[in-house]
């Protein structure tokens, strides 16, 4: 997903580990497609000054309306993403 509307909370556990959780109005939508919210989370690792690793997740029951994820309630969808960079 490229954008979300909602709230998120981030926390740095240390200089090398941080996390984020959030509640959003679905995926790639300014308004909610149904009466369900989606959850999102991120774990960020920086094992060295040159390496960054991000594990992201978003999941929710995104059925109906303008959503492309399913027409029936219970169309629960998950997306996992792993991004890493080296400089």
C-alpha atoms as a PDB file:
ATOM      1  CA  UNK A   1       0.000   0.000   0.000  1.00  0.00           C
ATOM      2  CA  UNK A   2       1.127   3.533  -0.778  1.00  0.00           C
ATOM      3  CA  UNK A   3      -0.866   5.483   1.804  1.00  0.00           C
ATOM      4  CA  UNK A   4      -3.194   5.048   4.769  1.00  0.00           C
ATOM      5  CA  UNK A   5      -5.473   7.188   6.894  1.00  0.00           C
ATOM      6  CA  UNK A   6      -5.310   6.401  10.592  1.00  0.00           C
ATOM      7  CA  UNK A   7      -3.047   6.542  13.611  1.00  0.00           C
ATOM      8  CA  UNK A   8       0.294   4.945  14.409  1.00  0.00           C
ATOM      9  CA  UNK A   9       2.584   4.712  17.385  1.00  0.00           C
ATOM     10  CA  UNK A  10       6.327   4.187  17.092  1.00  0.00           C
ATOM     11  CA  UNK A  11       8.818   3.245  19.792  1.00  0.00           C
ATOM     12  CA  UNK A  12      12.616   2.931  19.768  1.00  0.00           C
ATOM     13  CA  UNK A  13      13.670  -0.022  21.926  1.00  0.00           C
ATOM     14  CA  UNK A  14      17.343   0.839  21.380  1.00  0.00           C
ATOM     15  CA  UNK A  15      19.617   2.524  18.822  1.00  0.00           C
ATOM     16  CA  UNK A  16      19.335  -0.619  16.697  1.00  0.00           C
ATOM     17  CA  UNK A  17      15.711  -1.776  17.139  1.00  0.00           C
ATOM     18  CA  UNK A  18      12.422   0.117  16.798  1.00  0.00           C
ATOM     19  CA  UNK A  19       8.804  -0.795  16.193  1.00  0.00           C
ATOM     20  CA  UNK A  20       5.536   0.711  15.031  1.00  0.00           C
ATOM     21  CA  UNK A  21       1.874  -0.307  15.278  1.00  0.00           C
ATOM     22  CA  UNK A  22      -1.125   1.393  13.729  1.00  0.00           C
ATOM     23  CA  UNK A  23      -4.846   1.281  12.997  1.00  0.00           C
ATOM     24  CA  UNK A  24      -5.903   2.468   9.535  1.00  0.00           C
ATOM     25  CA  UNK A  25      -9.027   2.916   7.398  1.00  0.00           C
ATOM     26  CA  UNK A  26      -8.105   0.170   4.970  1.00  0.00           C
ATOM     27  CA  UNK A  27      -5.446   0.224   2.285  1.00  0.00           C
ATOM     28  CA  UNK A  28      -4.823   3.005  -0.221  1.00  0.00           C
ATOM     29  CA  UNK A  29      -8.005   4.802   0.727  1.00  0.00           C
ATOM     30  CA  UNK A  30      -8.731   8.096   2.427  1.00  0.00           C
ATOM     31  CA  UNK A  31     -12.014   6.736   3.754  1.00  0.00           C
ATOM     32  CA  UNK A  32     -12.989   3.309   5.043  1.00  0.00           C
ATOM     33  CA  UNK A  33     -14.483   0.890   2.490  1.00  0.00           C
ATOM     34  CA  UNK A  34     -16.467  -0.886   5.220  1.00  0.00           C
ATOM     35  CA  UNK A  35     -16.918  -0.710   8.979  1.00  0.00           C
ATOM     36  CA  UNK A  36     -13.692  -2.676   9.630  1.00  0.00           C
ATOM     37  CA  UNK A  37     -10.256  -1.268  10.432  1.00  0.00           C
ATOM     38  CA  UNK A  38      -6.920  -2.718   9.355  1.00  0.00           C
ATOM     39  CA  UNK A  39      -3.876  -3.113  11.570  1.00  0.00           C
ATOM     40  CA  UNK A  40      -0.305  -2.375  10.558  1.00  0.00           C
ATOM     41  CA  UNK A  41       3.052  -3.051  12.192  1.00  0.00           C
ATOM     42  CA  UNK A  42       6.749  -2.568  11.491  1.00  0.00           C
ATOM     43  CA  UNK A  43       9.959  -3.884  13.005  1.00  0.00           C
ATOM     44  CA  UNK A  44      13.056  -1.871  12.066  1.00  0.00           C
ATOM     45  CA  UNK A  45      16.580  -3.178  12.653  1.00  0.00           C
ATOM     46  CA  UNK A  46      19.860  -1.324  12.213  1.00  0.00           C
ATOM     47  CA  UNK A  47      22.576  -3.895  12.948  1.00  0.00           C
ATOM     48  CA  UNK A  48      25.279  -1.464  11.791  1.00  0.00           C
ATOM     49  CA  UNK A  49      25.630   2.106  10.517  1.00  0.00           C
ATOM     50  CA  UNK A  50      25.521   0.778   6.938  1.00  0.00           C
ATOM     51  CA  UNK A  51      22.591  -1.662   7.127  1.00  0.00           C
ATOM     52  CA  UNK A  52      18.867  -1.086   7.712  1.00  0.00           C
ATOM     53  CA  UNK A  53      16.194  -3.816   7.658  1.00  0.00           C
ATOM     54  CA  UNK A  54      12.424  -3.223   7.812  1.00  0.00           C
ATOM     55  CA  UNK A  55       9.772  -5.913   8.231  1.00  0.00           C
ATOM     56  CA  UNK A  56       6.272  -4.536   7.589  1.00  0.00           C
ATOM     57  CA  UNK A  57       2.798  -6.085   7.921  1.00  0.00           C
ATOM     58  CA  UNK A  58      -0.732  -4.884   7.248  1.00  0.00           C
ATOM     59  CA  UNK A  59      -3.873  -6.967   7.648  1.00  0.00           C
ATOM     60  CA  UNK A  60      -7.596  -6.470   7.719  1.00  0.00           C
ATOM     61  CA  UNK A  61     -11.041  -7.578   6.593  1.00  0.00           C
ATOM     62  CA  UNK A  62     -11.201  -5.355   3.507  1.00  0.00           C
ATOM     63  CA  UNK A  63     -14.351  -6.545   1.769  1.00  0.00           C
ATOM     64  CA  UNK A  64     -17.017  -4.669  -0.177  1.00  0.00           C
ATOM     65  CA  UNK A  65     -17.436  -1.145  -1.454  1.00  0.00           C
ATOM     66  CA  UNK A  66     -14.595   0.139  -3.590  1.00  0.00           C
ATOM     67  CA  UNK A  67     -12.097  -2.370  -2.226  1.00  0.00           C
ATOM     68  CA  UNK A  68     -10.467  -4.846  -4.602  1.00  0.00           C
ATOM     69  CA  UNK A  69      -9.761  -7.389  -1.839  1.00  0.00           C
ATOM     70  CA  UNK A  70     -13.031  -9.342  -1.864  1.00  0.00           C
ATOM     71  CA  UNK A  71     -16.802  -9.059  -1.967  1.00  0.00           C
ATOM     72  CA  UNK A  72     -17.621 -11.109   1.134  1.00  0.00           C
ATOM     73  CA  UNK A  73     -17.204 -10.277   4.779  1.00  0.00           C
ATOM     74  CA  UNK A  74     -14.326 -12.342   6.074  1.00  0.00           C
ATOM     75  CA  UNK A  75     -12.084 -11.535   3.068  1.00  0.00           C
ATOM     76  CA  UNK A  76      -9.194 -11.094   5.504  1.00  0.00           C
ATOM     77  CA  UNK A  77      -6.055 -10.015   3.686  1.00  0.00           C
ATOM     78  CA  UNK A  78      -2.442  -9.901   4.883  1.00  0.00           C
ATOM     79  CA  UNK A  79       0.578  -8.296   3.295  1.00  0.00           C
ATOM     80  CA  UNK A  80       4.154  -8.792   4.495  1.00  0.00           C
ATOM     81  CA  UNK A  81       7.050  -6.760   3.160  1.00  0.00           C
ATOM     82  CA  UNK A  82      10.774  -6.999   3.831  1.00  0.00           C
ATOM     83  CA  UNK A  83      13.022  -4.110   2.807  1.00  0.00           C
ATOM     84  CA  UNK A  84      16.746  -3.852   3.370  1.00  0.00           C
ATOM     85  CA  UNK A  85      19.321  -1.253   2.462  1.00  0.00           C
ATOM     86  CA  UNK A  86      23.094  -1.164   2.486  1.00  0.00           C
ATOM     87  CA  UNK A  87      25.104   2.033   2.078  1.00  0.00           C
END
